Each structure stands twice: as C-alpha cells, then as structure tokens.
Amino acid sequence: MVDLRYTRERLRVLRTLVPTTLDQDYGKLVATLLKEENELALLELLEGMGLPEKLKKRVELIKQAREVSLKLVEYSKMIPLPHRDIGAGYKILREFQDEFDRLGED
C-alpha cells in the first residue's frame, strides 16, 4: 500500500507511472522534474500524455491526494486543531489509497 500523504512517496509512485517508451527529451524532462521534486509539473506532464485509462485514474488520485495532504498541513498549524476536519481528510486519503491500490491490481 502506498502512502499518498507525503510528497516523496507520491513522486516515487509517479516515477513508476511514467511510460518507459519516452523519447530522450521527455526522459530528461522527467528526470529533472523528479530531481527538483516538482510534483505539480510532473502531474501536468503525465496528464498531457496519452496514458491508458487506469494510469490516468491513478494520476488523478495522486493529484487529489496532494490537495488533501496540503490541506492537512494547513490544519496542523491551526490552534485549536480542527480535529473533525483532520479526521475527514485522513478518511479521504485512505479512500484514495484504497482506490489507487485497486487500480494497480490486474
């Protein structure tokens, strides 16, 4: 099971979704984006590729998980902590992770 809460984990998973048949220029671009940990640009790049439907859904789930994770970081800085919102965010992330894992099963 992947942990979609963390940028590095999402980047690790995004790396596995990049087609191995990329031309050299795209390959260099992907390598640069990964090195810079530029998650947004990598997501945009993958969204623009003609990925199979399953992979498109996985990319979309990572994108949505990123938004929820960023919101959770914001919540963690609030006083008092919005416990209900934090709990709801983690529930959504678990659902994304479960769906992500289901899409990876053949």
N, C-alpha and C. Protein backbone atom coordinates (compact mmCIF):
# COMPACT_ATOMS: atom_id res chain seq x y z
N MET A 1 0.85 -1.18 0.00
CA MET A 1 0.00 0.00 0.00
C MET A 1 0.89 1.24 0.00
N VAL A 2 0.57 2.18 -0.85
CA VAL A 2 1.31 3.44 -0.90
C VAL A 2 0.75 4.40 0.14
N ASP A 3 1.57 5.34 0.54
CA ASP A 3 1.14 6.36 1.49
C ASP A 3 1.11 7.69 0.75
N LEU A 4 -0.06 8.08 0.32
CA LEU A 4 -0.21 9.26 -0.52
C LEU A 4 -0.16 10.58 0.26
N ARG A 5 0.13 10.51 1.55
CA ARG A 5 0.21 11.74 2.34
C ARG A 5 1.46 12.55 2.03
N TYR A 6 2.52 11.89 1.61
CA TYR A 6 3.82 12.54 1.53
C TYR A 6 4.28 12.77 0.10
N THR A 7 4.86 13.94 -0.14
CA THR A 7 5.32 14.32 -1.47
C THR A 7 6.30 13.30 -2.04
N ARG A 8 7.27 12.91 -1.26
CA ARG A 8 8.28 11.97 -1.78
C ARG A 8 7.67 10.64 -2.17
N GLU A 9 6.71 10.19 -1.41
CA GLU A 9 6.05 8.92 -1.75
C GLU A 9 5.24 9.08 -3.03
N ARG A 10 4.54 10.21 -3.15
CA ARG A 10 3.77 10.45 -4.38
C ARG A 10 4.71 10.54 -5.58
N LEU A 11 5.85 11.21 -5.42
CA LEU A 11 6.82 11.30 -6.51
C LEU A 11 7.37 9.92 -6.88
N ARG A 12 7.63 9.10 -5.87
CA ARG A 12 8.12 7.74 -6.13
C ARG A 12 7.12 6.96 -6.97
N VAL A 13 5.85 7.12 -6.63
CA VAL A 13 4.80 6.42 -7.38
C VAL A 13 4.64 7.02 -8.77
N LEU A 14 4.70 8.34 -8.87
CA LEU A 14 4.59 8.97 -10.19
C LEU A 14 5.70 8.49 -11.12
N ARG A 15 6.89 8.30 -10.57
CA ARG A 15 8.01 7.81 -11.38
C ARG A 15 7.66 6.47 -12.01
N THR A 16 6.92 5.63 -11.29
CA THR A 16 6.56 4.31 -11.82
C THR A 16 5.47 4.40 -12.89
N LEU A 17 4.76 5.51 -12.93
CA LEU A 17 3.68 5.67 -13.92
C LEU A 17 4.17 6.27 -15.24
N VAL A 18 5.40 6.77 -15.24
CA VAL A 18 5.95 7.37 -16.47
C VAL A 18 6.22 6.25 -17.48
N PRO A 19 5.70 6.40 -18.69
CA PRO A 19 5.94 5.37 -19.72
C PRO A 19 7.44 5.20 -19.99
N THR A 20 7.85 3.97 -20.19
CA THR A 20 9.27 3.69 -20.46
C THR A 20 9.63 3.97 -21.92
N THR A 21 8.65 4.27 -22.74
CA THR A 21 8.88 4.49 -24.16
C THR A 21 9.05 5.96 -24.51
N LEU A 22 9.37 6.80 -23.54
CA LEU A 22 9.53 8.22 -23.80
C LEU A 22 10.76 8.49 -24.66
N ASP A 23 10.66 9.53 -25.49
CA ASP A 23 11.86 9.91 -26.24
C ASP A 23 12.85 10.58 -25.27
N GLN A 24 14.04 10.82 -25.75
CA GLN A 24 15.13 11.29 -24.90
C GLN A 24 14.82 12.63 -24.23
N ASP A 25 14.19 13.55 -24.97
CA ASP A 25 13.88 14.87 -24.39
C ASP A 25 12.89 14.75 -23.24
N TYR A 26 11.84 13.96 -23.42
CA TYR A 26 10.87 13.75 -22.34
C TYR A 26 11.53 13.05 -21.16
N GLY A 27 12.39 12.10 -21.45
CA GLY A 27 13.09 11.40 -20.39
C GLY A 27 13.94 12.34 -19.55
N LYS A 28 14.63 13.27 -20.21
CA LYS A 28 15.44 14.26 -19.49
C LYS A 28 14.55 15.18 -18.66
N LEU A 29 13.42 15.58 -19.23
CA LEU A 29 12.49 16.45 -18.52
C LEU A 29 11.96 15.76 -17.27
N VAL A 30 11.55 14.52 -17.41
CA VAL A 30 11.04 13.76 -16.26
C VAL A 30 12.12 13.63 -15.20
N ALA A 31 13.34 13.32 -15.61
CA ALA A 31 14.45 13.19 -14.65
C ALA A 31 14.68 14.50 -13.91
N THR A 32 14.62 15.61 -14.62
CA THR A 32 14.80 16.93 -14.00
C THR A 32 13.68 17.22 -13.01
N LEU A 33 12.44 16.95 -13.40
CA LEU A 33 11.31 17.20 -12.51
C LEU A 33 11.39 16.35 -11.26
N LEU A 34 11.82 15.12 -11.40
CA LEU A 34 11.97 14.25 -10.23
C LEU A 34 13.10 14.74 -9.33
N LYS A 35 14.19 15.15 -9.93
CA LYS A 35 15.33 15.65 -9.15
C LYS A 35 14.94 16.91 -8.37
N GLU A 36 14.16 17.77 -9.02
CA GLU A 36 13.71 19.01 -8.37
C GLU A 36 12.51 18.80 -7.46
N GLU A 37 11.99 17.58 -7.45
CA GLU A 37 10.78 17.25 -6.70
C GLU A 37 9.61 18.18 -7.08
N ASN A 38 9.49 18.43 -8.37
CA ASN A 38 8.45 19.30 -8.90
C ASN A 38 7.22 18.44 -9.22
N GLU A 39 6.47 18.17 -8.18
CA GLU A 39 5.32 17.28 -8.28
C GLU A 39 4.24 17.83 -9.22
N LEU A 40 3.95 19.11 -9.11
CA LEU A 40 2.89 19.70 -9.95
C LEU A 40 3.23 19.59 -11.44
N ALA A 41 4.46 19.93 -11.80
CA ALA A 41 4.85 19.87 -13.21
C ALA A 41 4.83 18.43 -13.72
N LEU A 42 5.24 17.50 -12.88
CA LEU A 42 5.22 16.10 -13.28
C LEU A 42 3.78 15.61 -13.46
N LEU A 43 2.90 16.02 -12.56
CA LEU A 43 1.48 15.67 -12.71
C LEU A 43 0.92 16.23 -14.01
N GLU A 44 1.23 17.48 -14.31
CA GLU A 44 0.74 18.10 -15.55
C GLU A 44 1.29 17.38 -16.77
N LEU A 45 2.55 17.02 -16.72
CA LEU A 45 3.16 16.31 -17.83
C LEU A 45 2.47 14.96 -18.06
N LEU A 46 2.26 14.23 -16.99
CA LEU A 46 1.59 12.92 -17.11
C LEU A 46 0.15 13.06 -17.58
N GLU A 47 -0.53 14.10 -17.12
CA GLU A 47 -1.91 14.32 -17.56
C GLU A 47 -1.99 14.59 -19.06
N GLY A 48 -0.95 15.20 -19.61
CA GLY A 48 -0.93 15.54 -21.03
C GLY A 48 -0.53 14.38 -21.93
N MET A 49 -0.06 13.31 -21.33
CA MET A 49 0.34 12.14 -22.13
C MET A 49 -0.87 11.27 -22.40
N GLY A 50 -0.78 10.48 -23.41
CA GLY A 50 -1.87 9.56 -23.75
C GLY A 50 -1.78 8.28 -22.94
N LEU A 51 -1.93 8.40 -21.64
CA LEU A 51 -1.83 7.23 -20.76
C LEU A 51 -3.08 6.37 -20.85
N PRO A 52 -2.93 5.07 -20.59
CA PRO A 52 -4.11 4.21 -20.51
C PRO A 52 -5.04 4.69 -19.39
N GLU A 53 -6.29 4.36 -19.49
CA GLU A 53 -7.31 4.86 -18.56
C GLU A 53 -6.97 4.57 -17.10
N LYS A 54 -6.49 3.37 -16.81
CA LYS A 54 -6.14 3.01 -15.43
C LYS A 54 -5.06 3.95 -14.88
N LEU A 55 -4.06 4.22 -15.71
CA LEU A 55 -2.98 5.10 -15.26
C LEU A 55 -3.46 6.54 -15.11
N LYS A 56 -4.35 6.96 -15.99
CA LYS A 56 -4.93 8.31 -15.86
C LYS A 56 -5.65 8.46 -14.53
N LYS A 57 -6.41 7.43 -14.16
CA LYS A 57 -7.13 7.47 -12.89
C LYS A 57 -6.16 7.51 -11.71
N ARG A 58 -5.06 6.76 -11.81
CA ARG A 58 -4.07 6.76 -10.73
C ARG A 58 -3.42 8.14 -10.61
N VAL A 59 -3.11 8.76 -11.73
CA VAL A 59 -2.52 10.11 -11.70
C VAL A 59 -3.51 11.08 -11.07
N GLU A 60 -4.77 10.98 -11.42
CA GLU A 60 -5.80 11.86 -10.85
C GLU A 60 -5.93 11.64 -9.34
N LEU A 61 -5.86 10.41 -8.89
CA LEU A 61 -5.93 10.13 -7.46
C LEU A 61 -4.73 10.75 -6.72
N ILE A 62 -3.56 10.68 -7.32
CA ILE A 62 -2.38 11.30 -6.71
C ILE A 62 -2.57 12.81 -6.63
N LYS A 63 -3.10 13.37 -7.68
CA LYS A 63 -3.33 14.82 -7.69
C LYS A 63 -4.32 15.22 -6.59
N GLN A 64 -5.39 14.47 -6.45
CA GLN A 64 -6.38 14.77 -5.41
C GLN A 64 -5.80 14.55 -4.02
N ALA A 65 -5.01 13.50 -3.86
CA ALA A 65 -4.38 13.22 -2.57
C ALA A 65 -3.42 14.35 -2.19
N ARG A 66 -2.75 14.90 -3.17
CA ARG A 66 -1.84 16.02 -2.91
C ARG A 66 -2.60 17.19 -2.31
N GLU A 67 -3.75 17.51 -2.89
CA GLU A 67 -4.55 18.63 -2.39
C GLU A 67 -5.01 18.39 -0.95
N VAL A 68 -5.46 17.18 -0.67
CA VAL A 68 -5.92 16.85 0.69
C VAL A 68 -4.74 16.92 1.65
N SER A 69 -3.59 16.41 1.24
CA SER A 69 -2.41 16.43 2.10
C SER A 69 -1.98 17.86 2.43
N LEU A 70 -2.02 18.73 1.44
CA LEU A 70 -1.66 20.13 1.69
C LEU A 70 -2.64 20.78 2.66
N LYS A 71 -3.90 20.41 2.55
CA LYS A 71 -4.91 20.93 3.47
C LYS A 71 -4.65 20.43 4.89
N LEU A 72 -4.25 19.17 5.01
CA LEU A 72 -3.94 18.61 6.33
C LEU A 72 -2.76 19.34 6.97
N VAL A 73 -1.79 19.72 6.16
CA VAL A 73 -0.65 20.50 6.69
C VAL A 73 -1.15 21.84 7.22
N GLU A 74 -2.04 22.48 6.47
CA GLU A 74 -2.61 23.75 6.93
C GLU A 74 -3.36 23.56 8.26
N TYR A 75 -4.15 22.51 8.34
CA TYR A 75 -4.90 22.24 9.57
C TYR A 75 -3.97 22.04 10.76
N SER A 76 -2.84 21.40 10.53
CA SER A 76 -1.92 21.09 11.63
C SER A 76 -1.31 22.35 12.24
N LYS A 77 -1.42 23.46 11.53
CA LYS A 77 -0.86 24.73 12.02
C LYS A 77 -1.89 25.59 12.74
N MET A 78 -3.14 25.12 12.78
CA MET A 78 -4.22 25.90 13.38
C MET A 78 -4.32 25.62 14.88
N ILE A 79 -4.69 26.64 15.59
CA ILE A 79 -4.98 26.49 17.02
C ILE A 79 -6.35 27.10 17.25
N PRO A 80 -7.27 26.37 17.81
CA PRO A 80 -7.19 24.95 18.13
C PRO A 80 -7.24 24.09 16.86
N LEU A 81 -6.75 22.88 17.01
CA LEU A 81 -6.75 21.97 15.87
C LEU A 81 -8.18 21.62 15.46
N PRO A 82 -8.46 21.67 14.16
CA PRO A 82 -9.79 21.28 13.69
C PRO A 82 -9.88 19.75 13.55
N HIS A 83 -10.04 19.08 14.67
CA HIS A 83 -9.98 17.61 14.70
C HIS A 83 -10.96 16.95 13.72
N ARG A 84 -12.14 17.48 13.61
CA ARG A 84 -13.13 16.88 12.71
C ARG A 84 -12.64 16.96 11.25
N ASP A 85 -12.11 18.11 10.87
CA ASP A 85 -11.60 18.28 9.51
C ASP A 85 -10.38 17.40 9.24
N ILE A 86 -9.52 17.28 10.23
CA ILE A 86 -8.34 16.43 10.10
C ILE A 86 -8.77 14.98 9.92
N GLY A 87 -9.69 14.52 10.74
CA GLY A 87 -10.18 13.15 10.63
C GLY A 87 -10.81 12.89 9.27
N ALA A 88 -11.59 13.86 8.80
CA ALA A 88 -12.23 13.72 7.48
C ALA A 88 -11.18 13.65 6.38
N GLY A 89 -10.13 14.46 6.49
CA GLY A 89 -9.07 14.46 5.49
C GLY A 89 -8.35 13.12 5.43
N TYR A 90 -8.05 12.56 6.60
CA TYR A 90 -7.39 11.26 6.62
C TYR A 90 -8.30 10.16 6.08
N LYS A 91 -9.59 10.27 6.32
CA LYS A 91 -10.53 9.28 5.78
C LYS A 91 -10.52 9.34 4.25
N ILE A 92 -10.51 10.55 3.70
CA ILE A 92 -10.47 10.72 2.24
C ILE A 92 -9.17 10.14 1.69
N LEU A 93 -8.05 10.41 2.35
CA LEU A 93 -6.77 9.86 1.88
C LEU A 93 -6.77 8.34 1.88
N ARG A 94 -7.35 7.73 2.91
CA ARG A 94 -7.43 6.26 2.96
C ARG A 94 -8.25 5.74 1.78
N GLU A 95 -9.35 6.44 1.47
CA GLU A 95 -10.17 6.02 0.34
C GLU A 95 -9.40 6.14 -0.97
N PHE A 96 -8.64 7.24 -1.13
CA PHE A 96 -7.81 7.41 -2.33
C PHE A 96 -6.78 6.29 -2.42
N GLN A 97 -6.13 5.98 -1.29
CA GLN A 97 -5.11 4.94 -1.28
C GLN A 97 -5.71 3.58 -1.63
N ASP A 98 -6.88 3.27 -1.09
CA ASP A 98 -7.54 2.00 -1.40
C ASP A 98 -7.88 1.92 -2.88
N GLU A 99 -8.42 3.00 -3.43
CA GLU A 99 -8.77 3.01 -4.86
C GLU A 99 -7.51 2.92 -5.71
N PHE A 100 -6.46 3.62 -5.31
CA PHE A 100 -5.19 3.56 -6.02
C PHE A 100 -4.68 2.12 -6.08
N ASP A 101 -4.72 1.45 -4.94
CA ASP A 101 -4.26 0.06 -4.87
C ASP A 101 -5.14 -0.86 -5.73
N ARG A 102 -6.45 -0.65 -5.70
CA ARG A 102 -7.36 -1.46 -6.53
C ARG A 102 -7.04 -1.30 -8.02
N LEU A 103 -6.73 -0.07 -8.43
CA LEU A 103 -6.42 0.16 -9.84
C LEU A 103 -5.10 -0.49 -10.25
N GLY A 104 -4.24 -0.74 -9.29
CA GLY A 104 -2.95 -1.38 -9.60
C GLY A 104 -3.04 -2.88 -9.70
N GLU A 105 -4.15 -3.44 -9.26
CA GLU A 105 -4.32 -4.90 -9.33
C GLU A 105 -4.72 -5.30 -10.74
N ASP A 106 -4.16 -6.38 -11.20
CA ASP A 106 -4.51 -6.84 -12.56
C ASP A 106 -5.49 -7.97 -12.53
